[in-house]
mmCIF file of all heavy atoms, coordinates in Angstrom:
data_MODEL
# 
_entry.id   MODEL 
# 
loop_
_atom_site.group_PDB 
_atom_site.id 
_atom_site.type_symbol 
_atom_site.label_atom_id 
_atom_site.label_alt_id 
_atom_site.label_comp_id 
_atom_site.label_asym_id 
_atom_site.label_entity_id 
_atom_site.label_seq_id 
_atom_site.pdbx_PDB_ins_code 
_atom_site.Cartn_x 
_atom_site.Cartn_y 
_atom_site.Cartn_z 
_atom_site.occupancy 
_atom_site.B_iso_or_equiv 
_atom_site.pdbx_formal_charge 
_atom_site.auth_seq_id 
_atom_site.auth_comp_id 
_atom_site.auth_asym_id 
_atom_site.auth_atom_id 
_atom_site.pdbx_PDB_model_num 
ATOM 1   N N   . ARG A 1 1  ? 47.223 -16.008 39.095 1.00 0.00 ? 1  ARG A N   1 
ATOM 2   C CA  . ARG A 1 1  ? 47.963 -17.158 39.612 1.00 0.00 ? 1  ARG A CA  1 
ATOM 3   C C   . ARG A 1 1  ? 48.914 -16.735 40.697 1.00 0.00 ? 1  ARG A C   1 
ATOM 4   O O   . ARG A 1 1  ? 49.495 -15.728 40.552 1.00 0.00 ? 1  ARG A O   1 
ATOM 5   C CB  . ARG A 1 1  ? 48.652 -17.867 38.492 1.00 0.00 ? 1  ARG A CB  1 
ATOM 6   C CG  . ARG A 1 1  ? 49.637 -18.954 38.847 1.00 0.00 ? 1  ARG A CG  1 
ATOM 7   C CD  . ARG A 1 1  ? 50.249 -19.530 37.522 1.00 0.00 ? 1  ARG A CD  1 
ATOM 8   N NE  . ARG A 1 1  ? 51.398 -20.343 37.864 1.00 0.00 ? 1  ARG A NE  1 
ATOM 9   C CZ  . ARG A 1 1  ? 52.311 -20.761 36.933 1.00 0.00 ? 1  ARG A CZ  1 
ATOM 10  N NH1 . ARG A 1 1  ? 52.135 -20.470 35.652 1.00 0.00 ? 1  ARG A NH1 1 
ATOM 11  N NH2 . ARG A 1 1  ? 53.354 -21.505 37.335 1.00 0.00 ? 1  ARG A NH2 1 
ATOM 12  N N   . PRO A 1 2  ? 48.981 -17.488 41.889 1.00 0.00 ? 2  PRO A N   1 
ATOM 13  C CA  . PRO A 1 2  ? 49.778 -17.082 42.995 1.00 0.00 ? 2  PRO A CA  1 
ATOM 14  C C   . PRO A 1 2  ? 51.255 -16.846 42.472 1.00 0.00 ? 2  PRO A C   1 
ATOM 15  O O   . PRO A 1 2  ? 51.883 -17.721 41.776 1.00 0.00 ? 2  PRO A O   1 
ATOM 16  C CB  . PRO A 1 2  ? 49.744 -18.283 43.868 1.00 0.00 ? 2  PRO A CB  1 
ATOM 17  C CG  . PRO A 1 2  ? 48.413 -18.895 43.692 1.00 0.00 ? 2  PRO A CG  1 
ATOM 18  C CD  . PRO A 1 2  ? 48.174 -18.676 42.111 1.00 0.00 ? 2  PRO A CD  1 
ATOM 19  N N   . LEU A 1 3  ? 51.843 -15.801 42.833 1.00 0.00 ? 3  LEU A N   1 
ATOM 20  C CA  . LEU A 1 3  ? 53.244 -15.407 42.347 1.00 0.00 ? 3  LEU A CA  1 
ATOM 21  C C   . LEU A 1 3  ? 54.250 -16.483 42.765 1.00 0.00 ? 3  LEU A C   1 
ATOM 22  O O   . LEU A 1 3  ? 55.115 -16.868 41.942 1.00 0.00 ? 3  LEU A O   1 
ATOM 23  C CB  . LEU A 1 3  ? 53.649 -14.061 43.015 1.00 0.00 ? 3  LEU A CB  1 
ATOM 24  C CG  . LEU A 1 3  ? 55.010 -13.501 42.636 1.00 0.00 ? 3  LEU A CG  1 
ATOM 25  C CD1 . LEU A 1 3  ? 55.048 -13.084 41.239 1.00 0.00 ? 3  LEU A CD1 1 
ATOM 26  C CD2 . LEU A 1 3  ? 55.354 -12.371 43.578 1.00 0.00 ? 3  LEU A CD2 1 
ATOM 27  N N   . ASN A 1 4  ? 54.033 -17.086 43.900 1.00 0.00 ? 4  ASN A N   1 
ATOM 28  C CA  . ASN A 1 4  ? 55.098 -18.117 44.382 1.00 0.00 ? 4  ASN A CA  1 
ATOM 29  C C   . ASN A 1 4  ? 55.016 -19.429 43.676 1.00 0.00 ? 4  ASN A C   1 
ATOM 30  O O   . ASN A 1 4  ? 55.821 -20.327 43.971 1.00 0.00 ? 4  ASN A O   1 
ATOM 31  C CB  . ASN A 1 4  ? 54.961 -18.270 45.886 1.00 0.00 ? 4  ASN A CB  1 
ATOM 32  C CG  . ASN A 1 4  ? 53.634 -18.704 46.397 1.00 0.00 ? 4  ASN A CG  1 
ATOM 33  O OD1 . ASN A 1 4  ? 52.797 -19.078 45.614 1.00 0.00 ? 4  ASN A OD1 1 
ATOM 34  N ND2 . ASN A 1 4  ? 53.455 -18.588 47.683 1.00 0.00 ? 4  ASN A ND2 1 
ATOM 35  N N   . THR A 1 5  ? 54.032 -19.641 42.774 1.00 0.00 ? 5  THR A N   1 
ATOM 36  C CA  . THR A 1 5  ? 53.957 -20.860 41.914 1.00 0.00 ? 5  THR A CA  1 
ATOM 37  C C   . THR A 1 5  ? 54.688 -20.745 40.661 1.00 0.00 ? 5  THR A C   1 
ATOM 38  O O   . THR A 1 5  ? 54.703 -21.684 39.909 1.00 0.00 ? 5  THR A O   1 
ATOM 39  C CB  . THR A 1 5  ? 52.482 -21.246 41.775 1.00 0.00 ? 5  THR A CB  1 
ATOM 40  O OG1 . THR A 1 5  ? 51.880 -20.246 40.870 1.00 0.00 ? 5  THR A OG1 1 
ATOM 41  C CG2 . THR A 1 5  ? 51.683 -21.341 43.008 1.00 0.00 ? 5  THR A CG2 1 
ATOM 42  N N   . TYR A 1 6  ? 55.124 -19.582 40.330 1.00 0.00 ? 6  TYR A N   1 
ATOM 43  C CA  . TYR A 1 6  ? 55.866 -19.399 38.998 1.00 0.00 ? 6  TYR A CA  1 
ATOM 44  C C   . TYR A 1 6  ? 57.332 -19.915 39.180 1.00 0.00 ? 6  TYR A C   1 
ATOM 45  O O   . TYR A 1 6  ? 58.090 -19.376 39.998 1.00 0.00 ? 6  TYR A O   1 
ATOM 46  C CB  . TYR A 1 6  ? 55.928 -17.906 38.613 1.00 0.00 ? 6  TYR A CB  1 
ATOM 47  C CG  . TYR A 1 6  ? 54.550 -17.464 37.992 1.00 0.00 ? 6  TYR A CG  1 
ATOM 48  C CD1 . TYR A 1 6  ? 53.578 -16.925 38.827 1.00 0.00 ? 6  TYR A CD1 1 
ATOM 49  C CD2 . TYR A 1 6  ? 54.389 -17.409 36.580 1.00 0.00 ? 6  TYR A CD2 1 
ATOM 50  C CE1 . TYR A 1 6  ? 52.408 -16.448 38.225 1.00 0.00 ? 6  TYR A CE1 1 
ATOM 51  C CE2 . TYR A 1 6  ? 53.266 -16.956 35.990 1.00 0.00 ? 6  TYR A CE2 1 
ATOM 52  C CZ  . TYR A 1 6  ? 52.212 -16.447 36.847 1.00 0.00 ? 6  TYR A CZ  1 
ATOM 53  O OH  . TYR A 1 6  ? 51.096 -16.075 36.272 1.00 0.00 ? 6  TYR A OH  1 
ATOM 54  N N   . PRO A 1 7  ? 57.768 -20.761 38.303 1.00 0.00 ? 7  PRO A N   1 
ATOM 55  C CA  . PRO A 1 7  ? 59.227 -20.941 38.269 1.00 0.00 ? 7  PRO A CA  1 
ATOM 56  C C   . PRO A 1 7  ? 59.942 -19.791 37.808 1.00 0.00 ? 7  PRO A C   1 
ATOM 57  O O   . PRO A 1 7  ? 59.378 -18.913 37.097 1.00 0.00 ? 7  PRO A O   1 
ATOM 58  C CB  . PRO A 1 7  ? 59.374 -22.079 37.116 1.00 0.00 ? 7  PRO A CB  1 
ATOM 59  C CG  . PRO A 1 7  ? 57.997 -22.701 36.946 1.00 0.00 ? 7  PRO A CG  1 
ATOM 60  C CD  . PRO A 1 7  ? 57.028 -21.651 37.338 1.00 0.00 ? 7  PRO A CD  1 
ATOM 61  N N   . GLN A 1 8  ? 61.216 -19.553 38.266 1.00 0.00 ? 8  GLN A N   1 
ATOM 62  C CA  . GLN A 1 8  ? 61.892 -18.296 38.008 1.00 0.00 ? 8  GLN A CA  1 
ATOM 63  C C   . GLN A 1 8  ? 61.984 -17.968 36.575 1.00 0.00 ? 8  GLN A C   1 
ATOM 64  O O   . GLN A 1 8  ? 61.837 -16.811 36.216 1.00 0.00 ? 8  GLN A O   1 
ATOM 65  C CB  . GLN A 1 8  ? 63.360 -18.440 38.683 1.00 0.00 ? 8  GLN A CB  1 
ATOM 66  C CG  . GLN A 1 8  ? 64.078 -17.086 38.657 1.00 0.00 ? 8  GLN A CG  1 
ATOM 67  C CD  . GLN A 1 8  ? 63.307 -15.950 39.386 1.00 0.00 ? 8  GLN A CD  1 
ATOM 68  O OE1 . GLN A 1 8  ? 62.800 -16.203 40.461 1.00 0.00 ? 8  GLN A OE1 1 
ATOM 69  N NE2 . GLN A 1 8  ? 63.389 -14.805 38.831 1.00 0.00 ? 8  GLN A NE2 1 
ATOM 70  N N   . LYS A 1 9  ? 62.283 -18.886 35.687 1.00 0.00 ? 9  LYS A N   1 
ATOM 71  C CA  . LYS A 1 9  ? 62.471 -18.596 34.327 1.00 0.00 ? 9  LYS A CA  1 
ATOM 72  C C   . LYS A 1 9  ? 61.124 -18.097 33.636 1.00 0.00 ? 9  LYS A C   1 
ATOM 73  O O   . LYS A 1 9  ? 61.104 -17.212 32.838 1.00 0.00 ? 9  LYS A O   1 
ATOM 74  C CB  . LYS A 1 9  ? 62.963 -19.803 33.563 1.00 0.00 ? 9  LYS A CB  1 
ATOM 75  C CG  . LYS A 1 9  ? 63.550 -19.499 32.139 1.00 0.00 ? 9  LYS A CG  1 
ATOM 76  C CD  . LYS A 1 9  ? 64.298 -20.670 31.597 1.00 0.00 ? 9  LYS A CD  1 
ATOM 77  C CE  . LYS A 1 9  ? 64.911 -20.257 30.250 1.00 0.00 ? 9  LYS A CE  1 
ATOM 78  N NZ  . LYS A 1 9  ? 65.712 -21.344 29.729 1.00 0.00 ? 9  LYS A NZ  1 
ATOM 79  N N   . GLU A 1 10 ? 59.984 -18.763 34.105 1.00 0.00 ? 10 GLU A N   1 
ATOM 80  C CA  . GLU A 1 10 ? 58.677 -18.360 33.617 1.00 0.00 ? 10 GLU A CA  1 
ATOM 81  C C   . GLU A 1 10 ? 58.366 -16.891 34.070 1.00 0.00 ? 10 GLU A C   1 
ATOM 82  O O   . GLU A 1 10 ? 57.773 -16.096 33.263 1.00 0.00 ? 10 GLU A O   1 
ATOM 83  C CB  . GLU A 1 10 ? 57.641 -19.351 34.017 1.00 0.00 ? 10 GLU A CB  1 
ATOM 84  C CG  . GLU A 1 10 ? 56.229 -19.078 33.513 1.00 0.00 ? 10 GLU A CG  1 
ATOM 85  C CD  . GLU A 1 10 ? 55.224 -20.135 33.922 1.00 0.00 ? 10 GLU A CD  1 
ATOM 86  O OE1 . GLU A 1 10 ? 55.605 -21.097 34.601 1.00 0.00 ? 10 GLU A OE1 1 
ATOM 87  O OE2 . GLU A 1 10 ? 54.003 -19.867 33.700 1.00 0.00 ? 10 GLU A OE2 1 
ATOM 88  N N   . LEU A 1 11 ? 58.728 -16.658 35.296 1.00 0.00 ? 11 LEU A N   1 
ATOM 89  C CA  . LEU A 1 11 ? 58.430 -15.408 35.870 1.00 0.00 ? 11 LEU A CA  1 
ATOM 90  C C   . LEU A 1 11 ? 59.246 -14.277 35.219 1.00 0.00 ? 11 LEU A C   1 
ATOM 91  O O   . LEU A 1 11 ? 58.719 -13.219 34.955 1.00 0.00 ? 11 LEU A O   1 
ATOM 92  C CB  . LEU A 1 11 ? 58.711 -15.333 37.383 1.00 0.00 ? 11 LEU A CB  1 
ATOM 93  C CG  . LEU A 1 11 ? 58.364 -14.063 38.159 1.00 0.00 ? 11 LEU A CG  1 
ATOM 94  C CD1 . LEU A 1 11 ? 56.937 -13.789 38.159 1.00 0.00 ? 11 LEU A CD1 1 
ATOM 95  C CD2 . LEU A 1 11 ? 58.912 -14.112 39.572 1.00 0.00 ? 11 LEU A CD2 1 
ATOM 96  N N   . ALA A 1 12 ? 60.454 -14.671 34.765 1.00 0.00 ? 12 ALA A N   1 
ATOM 97  C CA  . ALA A 1 12 ? 61.324 -13.633 34.125 1.00 0.00 ? 12 ALA A CA  1 
ATOM 98  C C   . ALA A 1 12 ? 60.845 -13.423 32.706 1.00 0.00 ? 12 ALA A C   1 
ATOM 99  O O   . ALA A 1 12 ? 61.345 -12.362 32.135 1.00 0.00 ? 12 ALA A O   1 
ATOM 100 C CB  . ALA A 1 12 ? 62.815 -14.186 34.065 1.00 0.00 ? 12 ALA A CB  1 
ATOM 101 N N   . LYS A 1 13 ? 59.896 -14.142 32.179 1.00 0.00 ? 13 LYS A N   1 
ATOM 102 C CA  . LYS A 1 13 ? 59.314 -13.774 30.918 1.00 0.00 ? 13 LYS A CA  1 
ATOM 103 C C   . LYS A 1 13 ? 58.213 -12.823 31.000 1.00 0.00 ? 13 LYS A C   1 
ATOM 104 O O   . LYS A 1 13 ? 57.739 -12.247 30.078 1.00 0.00 ? 13 LYS A O   1 
ATOM 105 C CB  . LYS A 1 13 ? 58.768 -15.018 30.205 1.00 0.00 ? 13 LYS A CB  1 
ATOM 106 C CG  . LYS A 1 13 ? 59.904 -15.954 29.700 1.00 0.00 ? 13 LYS A CG  1 
ATOM 107 C CD  . LYS A 1 13 ? 59.274 -17.211 29.088 1.00 0.00 ? 13 LYS A CD  1 
ATOM 108 C CE  . LYS A 1 13 ? 60.354 -18.214 28.538 1.00 0.00 ? 13 LYS A CE  1 
ATOM 109 N NZ  . LYS A 1 13 ? 59.851 -19.339 27.923 1.00 0.00 ? 13 LYS A NZ  1 
ATOM 110 N N   . LEU A 1 14 ? 57.769 -12.603 32.263 1.00 0.00 ? 14 LEU A N   1 
ATOM 111 C CA  . LEU A 1 14 ? 56.639 -11.715 32.617 1.00 0.00 ? 14 LEU A CA  1 
ATOM 112 C C   . LEU A 1 14 ? 57.023 -10.416 33.220 1.00 0.00 ? 14 LEU A C   1 
ATOM 113 O O   . LEU A 1 14 ? 56.438 -9.333  33.042 1.00 0.00 ? 14 LEU A O   1 
ATOM 114 C CB  . LEU A 1 14 ? 55.615 -12.451 33.400 1.00 0.00 ? 14 LEU A CB  1 
ATOM 115 C CG  . LEU A 1 14 ? 54.966 -13.659 32.844 1.00 0.00 ? 14 LEU A CG  1 
ATOM 116 C CD1 . LEU A 1 14 ? 54.091 -14.387 33.980 1.00 0.00 ? 14 LEU A CD1 1 
ATOM 117 C CD2 . LEU A 1 14 ? 53.984 -13.253 31.679 1.00 0.00 ? 14 LEU A CD2 1 
ATOM 118 N N   . ILE A 1 15 ? 58.026 -10.518 34.133 1.00 0.00 ? 15 ILE A N   1 
ATOM 119 C CA  . ILE A 1 15 ? 58.461 -9.295  34.945 1.00 0.00 ? 15 ILE A CA  1 
ATOM 120 C C   . ILE A 1 15 ? 59.887 -9.063  34.865 1.00 0.00 ? 15 ILE A C   1 
ATOM 121 O O   . ILE A 1 15 ? 60.717 -9.936  34.987 1.00 0.00 ? 15 ILE A O   1 
ATOM 122 C CB  . ILE A 1 15 ? 58.092 -9.475  36.406 1.00 0.00 ? 15 ILE A CB  1 
ATOM 123 C CG1 . ILE A 1 15 ? 56.596 -9.621  36.666 1.00 0.00 ? 15 ILE A CG1 1 
ATOM 124 C CG2 . ILE A 1 15 ? 58.645 -8.415  37.285 1.00 0.00 ? 15 ILE A CG2 1 
ATOM 125 C CD1 . ILE A 1 15 ? 56.174 -9.860  38.115 1.00 0.00 ? 15 ILE A CD1 1 
ATOM 126 N N   . SER A 1 16 ? 60.259 -7.757  34.526 1.00 0.00 ? 16 SER A N   1 
ATOM 127 C CA  . SER A 1 16 ? 61.632 -7.372  34.597 1.00 0.00 ? 16 SER A CA  1 
ATOM 128 C C   . SER A 1 16 ? 61.757 -6.261  35.710 1.00 0.00 ? 16 SER A C   1 
ATOM 129 O O   . SER A 1 16 ? 60.830 -5.484  35.936 1.00 0.00 ? 16 SER A O   1 
ATOM 130 C CB  . SER A 1 16 ? 62.060 -6.822  33.288 1.00 0.00 ? 16 SER A CB  1 
ATOM 131 O OG  . SER A 1 16 ? 61.309 -5.799  32.719 1.00 0.00 ? 16 SER A OG  1 
ATOM 132 N N   . TYR A 1 17 ? 62.967 -6.209  36.365 1.00 0.00 ? 17 TYR A N   1 
ATOM 133 C CA  . TYR A 1 17 ? 63.181 -5.297  37.467 1.00 0.00 ? 17 TYR A CA  1 
ATOM 134 C C   . TYR A 1 17 ? 64.375 -4.475  37.136 1.00 0.00 ? 17 TYR A C   1 
ATOM 135 O O   . TYR A 1 17 ? 65.450 -4.951  36.786 1.00 0.00 ? 17 TYR A O   1 
ATOM 136 C CB  . TYR A 1 17 ? 63.447 -6.117  38.713 1.00 0.00 ? 17 TYR A CB  1 
ATOM 137 C CG  . TYR A 1 17 ? 63.895 -5.317  39.844 1.00 0.00 ? 17 TYR A CG  1 
ATOM 138 C CD1 . TYR A 1 17 ? 63.073 -4.399  40.520 1.00 0.00 ? 17 TYR A CD1 1 
ATOM 139 C CD2 . TYR A 1 17 ? 65.247 -5.474  40.351 1.00 0.00 ? 17 TYR A CD2 1 
ATOM 140 C CE1 . TYR A 1 17 ? 63.507 -3.677  41.573 1.00 0.00 ? 17 TYR A CE1 1 
ATOM 141 C CE2 . TYR A 1 17 ? 65.651 -4.712  41.486 1.00 0.00 ? 17 TYR A CE2 1 
ATOM 142 C CZ  . TYR A 1 17 ? 64.827 -3.865  42.019 1.00 0.00 ? 17 TYR A CZ  1 
ATOM 143 O OH  . TYR A 1 17 ? 65.208 -3.126  43.112 1.00 0.00 ? 17 TYR A OH  1 
ATOM 144 N N   . VAL A 1 18 ? 64.236 -3.144  37.208 1.00 0.00 ? 18 VAL A N   1 
ATOM 145 C CA  . VAL A 1 18 ? 65.290 -2.212  37.003 1.00 0.00 ? 18 VAL A CA  1 
ATOM 146 C C   . VAL A 1 18 ? 65.674 -1.558  38.225 1.00 0.00 ? 18 VAL A C   1 
ATOM 147 O O   . VAL A 1 18 ? 65.020 -0.681  38.806 1.00 0.00 ? 18 VAL A O   1 
ATOM 148 C CB  . VAL A 1 18 ? 64.834 -1.134  35.947 1.00 0.00 ? 18 VAL A CB  1 
ATOM 149 C CG1 . VAL A 1 18 ? 65.989 -0.111  35.642 1.00 0.00 ? 18 VAL A CG1 1 
ATOM 150 C CG2 . VAL A 1 18 ? 64.336 -1.776  34.749 1.00 0.00 ? 18 VAL A CG2 1 
ATOM 151 N N   . PRO A 1 19 ? 66.867 -1.890  38.859 1.00 0.00 ? 19 PRO A N   1 
ATOM 152 C CA  . PRO A 1 19 ? 67.305 -1.245  40.098 1.00 0.00 ? 19 PRO A CA  1 
ATOM 153 C C   . PRO A 1 19 ? 67.846 0.144   39.805 1.00 0.00 ? 19 PRO A C   1 
ATOM 154 O O   . PRO A 1 19 ? 67.899 0.623   38.687 1.00 0.00 ? 19 PRO A O   1 
ATOM 155 C CB  . PRO A 1 19 ? 68.385 -2.227  40.532 1.00 0.00 ? 19 PRO A CB  1 
ATOM 156 C CG  . PRO A 1 19 ? 68.960 -2.774  39.268 1.00 0.00 ? 19 PRO A CG  1 
ATOM 157 C CD  . PRO A 1 19 ? 67.773 -2.868  38.307 1.00 0.00 ? 19 PRO A CD  1 
ATOM 158 N N   . GLN A 1 20 ? 68.207 0.775   40.896 1.00 0.00 ? 20 GLN A N   1 
ATOM 159 C CA  . GLN A 1 20 ? 68.886 2.099   40.681 1.00 0.00 ? 20 GLN A CA  1 
ATOM 160 C C   . GLN A 1 20 ? 70.310 1.852   40.083 1.00 0.00 ? 20 GLN A C   1 
ATOM 161 O O   . GLN A 1 20 ? 70.983 0.849   40.415 1.00 0.00 ? 20 GLN A O   1 
ATOM 162 C CB  . GLN A 1 20 ? 69.069 2.818   42.105 1.00 0.00 ? 20 GLN A CB  1 
ATOM 163 C CG  . GLN A 1 20 ? 67.798 3.155   42.718 1.00 0.00 ? 20 GLN A CG  1 
ATOM 164 C CD  . GLN A 1 20 ? 67.983 3.883   44.042 1.00 0.00 ? 20 GLN A CD  1 
ATOM 165 O OE1 . GLN A 1 20 ? 68.992 4.708   44.168 1.00 0.00 ? 20 GLN A OE1 1 
ATOM 166 N NE2 . GLN A 1 20 ? 67.159 3.649   45.009 1.00 0.00 ? 20 GLN A NE2 1 
ATOM 167 N N   . ALA A 1 21 ? 70.693 2.780   39.191 1.00 0.00 ? 21 ALA A N   1 
ATOM 168 C CA  . ALA A 1 21 ? 71.943 2.595   38.532 1.00 0.00 ? 21 ALA A CA  1 
ATOM 169 C C   . ALA A 1 21 ? 73.202 2.771   39.420 1.00 0.00 ? 21 ALA A C   1 
ATOM 170 O O   . ALA A 1 21 ? 74.203 2.248   39.098 1.00 0.00 ? 21 ALA A O   1 
ATOM 171 C CB  . ALA A 1 21 ? 72.074 3.555   37.389 1.00 0.00 ? 21 ALA A CB  1 
ATOM 172 N N   . GLU A 1 22 ? 73.059 3.466   40.525 1.00 0.00 ? 22 GLU A N   1 
ATOM 173 C CA  . GLU A 1 22 ? 74.154 3.655   41.496 1.00 0.00 ? 22 GLU A CA  1 
ATOM 174 C C   . GLU A 1 22 ? 74.804 2.353   41.855 1.00 0.00 ? 22 GLU A C   1 
ATOM 175 O O   . GLU A 1 22 ? 74.074 1.430   42.367 1.00 0.00 ? 22 GLU A O   1 
ATOM 176 C CB  . GLU A 1 22 ? 73.650 4.408   42.672 1.00 0.00 ? 22 GLU A CB  1 
ATOM 177 C CG  . GLU A 1 22 ? 74.728 4.928   43.694 1.00 0.00 ? 22 GLU A CG  1 
ATOM 178 C CD  . GLU A 1 22 ? 75.512 6.089   43.116 1.00 0.00 ? 22 GLU A CD  1 
ATOM 179 O OE1 . GLU A 1 22 ? 75.140 6.565   42.021 1.00 0.00 ? 22 GLU A OE1 1 
ATOM 180 O OE2 . GLU A 1 22 ? 76.471 6.573   43.826 1.00 0.00 ? 22 GLU A OE2 1 
ATOM 181 N N   . GLY A 1 23 ? 76.051 2.234   41.634 1.00 0.00 ? 23 GLY A N   1 
ATOM 182 C CA  . GLY A 1 23 ? 76.821 0.982   42.002 1.00 0.00 ? 23 GLY A CA  1 
ATOM 183 C C   . GLY A 1 23 ? 76.748 -0.172  40.967 1.00 0.00 ? 23 GLY A C   1 
ATOM 184 O O   . GLY A 1 23 ? 77.172 -1.234  41.279 1.00 0.00 ? 23 GLY A O   1 
ATOM 185 N N   . ALA A 1 24 ? 76.005 0.110   39.858 1.00 0.00 ? 24 ALA A N   1 
ATOM 186 C CA  . ALA A 1 24 ? 75.931 -0.886  38.841 1.00 0.00 ? 24 ALA A CA  1 
ATOM 187 C C   . ALA A 1 24 ? 77.101 -1.062  37.976 1.00 0.00 ? 24 ALA A C   1 
ATOM 188 O O   . ALA A 1 24 ? 77.129 -0.795  36.798 1.00 0.00 ? 24 ALA A O   1 
ATOM 189 C CB  . ALA A 1 24 ? 74.611 -0.669  37.948 1.00 0.00 ? 24 ALA A CB  1 
ATOM 190 N N   . ASN A 1 25 ? 78.298 -1.481  38.596 1.00 0.00 ? 25 ASN A N   1 
ATOM 191 C CA  . ASN A 1 25 ? 79.469 -1.663  37.924 1.00 0.00 ? 25 ASN A CA  1 
ATOM 192 C C   . ASN A 1 25 ? 79.825 -3.107  37.521 1.00 0.00 ? 25 ASN A C   1 
ATOM 193 O O   . ASN A 1 25 ? 80.681 -3.690  38.062 1.00 0.00 ? 25 ASN A O   1 
ATOM 194 C CB  . ASN A 1 25 ? 80.611 -1.091  38.791 1.00 0.00 ? 25 ASN A CB  1 
ATOM 195 C CG  . ASN A 1 25 ? 80.490 0.448   38.941 1.00 0.00 ? 25 ASN A CG  1 
ATOM 196 O OD1 . ASN A 1 25 ? 80.174 1.125   38.006 1.00 0.00 ? 25 ASN A OD1 1 
ATOM 197 N ND2 . ASN A 1 25 ? 80.734 0.939   40.198 1.00 0.00 ? 25 ASN A ND2 1 
ATOM 198 N N   . PHE A 1 26 ? 78.995 -3.613  36.623 1.00 0.00 ? 26 PHE A N   1 
ATOM 199 C CA  . PHE A 1 26 ? 79.194 -4.926  36.190 1.00 0.00 ? 26 PHE A CA  1 
ATOM 200 C C   . PHE A 1 26 ? 80.360 -5.184  35.294 1.00 0.00 ? 26 PHE A C   1 
ATOM 201 O O   . PHE A 1 26 ? 80.613 -4.328  34.459 1.00 0.00 ? 26 PHE A O   1 
ATOM 202 C CB  . PHE A 1 26 ? 77.857 -5.458  35.529 1.00 0.00 ? 26 PHE A CB  1 
ATOM 203 C CG  . PHE A 1 26 ? 76.671 -5.307  36.339 1.00 0.00 ? 26 PHE A CG  1 
ATOM 204 C CD1 . PHE A 1 26 ? 75.762 -4.199  36.070 1.00 0.00 ? 26 PHE A CD1 1 
ATOM 205 C CD2 . PHE A 1 26 ? 76.339 -6.126  37.433 1.00 0.00 ? 26 PHE A CD2 1 
ATOM 206 C CE1 . PHE A 1 26 ? 74.610 -4.018  36.944 1.00 0.00 ? 26 PHE A CE1 1 
ATOM 207 C CE2 . PHE A 1 26 ? 75.224 -5.883  38.168 1.00 0.00 ? 26 PHE A CE2 1 
ATOM 208 C CZ  . PHE A 1 26 ? 74.321 -4.861  37.907 1.00 0.00 ? 26 PHE A CZ  1 
ATOM 209 N N   . PRO A 1 27 ? 81.093 -6.307  35.351 1.00 0.00 ? 27 PRO A N   1 
ATOM 210 C CA  . PRO A 1 27 ? 82.221 -6.512  34.494 1.00 0.00 ? 27 PRO A CA  1 
ATOM 211 C C   . PRO A 1 27 ? 81.927 -6.962  33.112 1.00 0.00 ? 27 PRO A C   1 
ATOM 212 O O   . PRO A 1 27 ? 82.473 -7.952  32.541 1.00 0.00 ? 27 PRO A O   1 
ATOM 213 C CB  . PRO A 1 27 ? 82.992 -7.551  35.275 1.00 0.00 ? 27 PRO A CB  1 
ATOM 214 C CG  . PRO A 1 27 ? 81.868 -8.398  35.868 1.00 0.00 ? 27 PRO A CG  1 
ATOM 215 C CD  . PRO A 1 27 ? 80.830 -7.428  36.223 1.00 0.00 ? 27 PRO A CD  1 
ATOM 216 N N   . PHE A 1 28 ? 80.997 -6.220  32.425 1.00 0.00 ? 28 PHE A N   1 
ATOM 217 C CA  . PHE A 1 28 ? 80.582 -6.565  31.090 1.00 0.00 ? 28 PHE A CA  1 
ATOM 218 C C   . PHE A 1 28 ? 80.615 -5.278  30.204 1.00 0.00 ? 28 PHE A C   1 
ATOM 219 O O   . PHE A 1 28 ? 80.485 -4.217  30.727 1.00 0.00 ? 28 PHE A O   1 
ATOM 220 C CB  . PHE A 1 28 ? 79.185 -7.225  31.017 1.00 0.00 ? 28 PHE A CB  1 
ATOM 221 C CG  . PHE A 1 28 ? 79.001 -8.418  31.947 1.00 0.00 ? 28 PHE A CG  1 
ATOM 222 C CD1 . PHE A 1 28 ? 78.346 -8.327  33.150 1.00 0.00 ? 28 PHE A CD1 1 
ATOM 223 C CD2 . PHE A 1 28 ? 79.517 -9.651  31.529 1.00 0.00 ? 28 PHE A CD2 1 
ATOM 224 C CE1 . PHE A 1 28 ? 78.144 -9.393  33.986 1.00 0.00 ? 28 PHE A CE1 1 
ATOM 225 C CE2 . PHE A 1 28 ? 79.334 -10.679 32.342 1.00 0.00 ? 28 PHE A CE2 1 
ATOM 226 C CZ  . PHE A 1 28 ? 78.672 -10.597 33.530 1.00 0.00 ? 28 PHE A CZ  1 
# 
């Protein structure tokens, strides 16, 4: 199915993205 037809929430059930940890200073 074309990637651009997936709603964001549906896509997030299929694909997760792990960025580089550098600068990952989240307030949690």
